[in-house]
Protein backbone atom coordinates (compact mmCIF):
# COMPACT_ATOMS: atom_id res chain seq x y z
CA MET A 1 68.01 88.08 97.78
CA ARG A 2 69.21 89.07 94.32
CA PRO A 3 70.13 86.46 91.71
CA TRP A 4 73.70 87.77 91.22
CA ASP A 5 76.28 89.18 93.57
CA LEU A 6 79.37 91.29 93.31
CA THR A 7 81.77 89.65 95.73
CA ARG A 8 84.68 91.59 97.22
CA ARG A 9 87.50 89.50 98.60
CA GLY A 10 91.19 90.09 99.22
CA CYS A 11 93.71 89.42 96.48
CA ASP A 12 95.38 86.83 98.72
CA ALA A 13 92.23 84.69 98.89
CA ARG A 14 90.28 82.55 96.47
CA ALA A 15 86.54 82.63 95.95
CA ASP A 16 84.66 80.11 98.06
CA LEU A 17 81.80 79.24 95.71
CA GLY A 18 80.55 76.45 97.98
CA GLY A 19 80.26 78.95 100.80
CA ARG A 20 78.35 81.37 98.55
CA LYS A 21 75.43 79.15 97.64
CA GLU A 22 74.00 78.61 101.14
CA PRO A 23 73.66 82.28 102.23
CA ALA A 24 72.22 83.05 98.81
CA GLY A 25 69.64 80.28 99.23
CA GLY A 26 70.82 78.43 96.15
CA ALA A 27 71.82 74.91 95.24
CA HIS A 28 74.63 75.99 92.89
CA ALA A 29 77.13 78.85 92.68
CA SER A 30 79.39 79.71 89.76
CA PHE A 31 81.09 82.62 88.07
CA ALA A 32 79.06 84.55 85.51
CA SER A 33 80.11 84.43 81.91
CA PRO A 34 82.22 87.45 80.83
CA GLU A 35 79.25 88.75 78.80
CA LYS A 36 76.86 88.52 81.80
CA ALA A 37 79.45 90.02 84.16
CA GLU A 38 79.99 93.00 81.84
CA ALA A 39 76.25 93.53 81.41
CA LEU A 40 75.62 93.49 85.19
CA ALA A 41 78.67 95.55 86.14
CA GLY A 42 78.54 98.02 83.28
CA SER A 43 82.31 97.72 82.86
CA SER A 44 84.95 95.61 81.19
CA SER A 45 85.39 92.06 82.40
CA GLY A 46 88.35 91.94 84.75
CA THR A 47 87.80 95.31 86.37
CA ILE A 48 87.50 95.37 90.16
CA LEU A 49 84.43 97.30 91.25
CA PRO A 50 83.72 98.40 94.83
CA PHE A 51 80.07 99.22 94.16
CA SER A 52 77.07 97.81 92.37
CA PHE A 53 74.76 100.01 90.34
CA HIS A 54 72.66 97.23 88.77
CA PRO A 55 69.45 96.30 90.66
CA ASP A 56 70.10 92.55 90.15
CA LEU A 57 73.69 92.71 91.44
CA GLU A 58 74.04 92.50 95.21
CA PRO A 59 77.32 93.63 96.80
CA VAL A 60 78.78 91.10 99.25
CA VAL A 61 82.05 91.88 101.04
CA ASP A 62 84.33 89.50 102.88
CA PRO A 63 85.00 90.99 106.36
CA ARG A 64 88.75 90.56 105.89
CA VAL A 65 88.63 93.27 103.21
CA LEU A 66 87.36 95.71 105.84
CA ALA A 67 90.34 95.00 108.10
CA HIS A 68 92.64 97.02 105.80
CA PRO A 69 93.04 100.81 105.90
CA GLY A 70 91.96 101.16 102.27
CA ILE A 71 91.10 99.35 99.08
CA ASN A 72 92.27 99.82 95.52
CA PHE A 73 90.08 99.11 92.55
CA ASN A 74 89.76 99.77 88.84
CA ALA A 75 87.72 102.79 87.86
CA ALA A 76 85.47 100.69 85.58
CA ARG A 77 88.42 100.53 83.19
CA LEU A 78 91.48 98.34 83.18
CA ASP A 79 93.86 101.29 82.77
CA ARG A 80 92.63 103.47 85.69
CA SER A 81 92.80 102.70 89.41
CA LEU A 82 91.52 104.49 92.49
CA ALA A 83 92.19 104.16 96.20
CA LEU A 84 89.37 104.41 98.70
CA ASP A 85 89.68 104.86 102.46
CA ILE A 86 88.04 101.87 104.13
CA ARG A 87 85.92 104.15 106.35
CA ASP A 88 84.34 105.69 103.26
CA HIS A 89 83.82 102.27 101.72
CA ARG A 90 82.25 100.95 104.92
CA ALA A 91 79.93 103.98 105.11
CA HIS A 92 78.78 103.27 101.55
CA LEU A 93 78.23 99.58 102.33
CA ASP A 94 76.15 100.53 105.38
CA ARG A 95 74.06 103.01 103.36
CA THR A 96 73.35 100.52 100.59
CA GLY A 97 72.70 97.53 102.85
CA ALA A 98 75.52 95.43 101.41
CA ARG A 99 76.05 92.08 103.09
CA ILE A 100 79.24 91.42 105.02
CA HIS A 101 79.83 87.69 104.77
CA HIS A 102 82.81 85.30 104.53
CA VAL A 103 83.09 84.63 100.79
CA ALA A 104 86.74 83.71 100.47
CA ALA A 105 89.16 81.02 101.53
CA ARG A 106 92.86 81.66 101.97
CA ALA A 107 94.88 80.71 98.95
CA GLU A 108 97.20 77.81 99.56
C-alpha cells in the first residue's frame, strides 16, 4: 500500500474521504496540499491525470468511471485536454495493477 493515491472519480460525484481511509489501512484521509500534489503528480495542481508515474502515488479508480465509453483529462496542463477510450484506460489499469474501488459518493 502506497502512502498517497491518485483517485479517479466522476465529475458528478464527491470524494468520499471516509471511505478511502479503511482500504488504505489508515486512520485518517485528507487531500494533499497543492505543493505535495504537484510534486507527486509532476503537473500543475488542478490538472486531471489518468495515470500515476510517481512510485509513491497509487492509482485508484471508482468503478463508475469505467462504465463510460471514454474519459477526458488534462494533458498535465490546464490548457490541454485529451480523450481516452475506456478500453485503453482499463488495459493500462490492468497492466499497472491499479485498484478499482468505490472512492466517491454521489453529489447531492
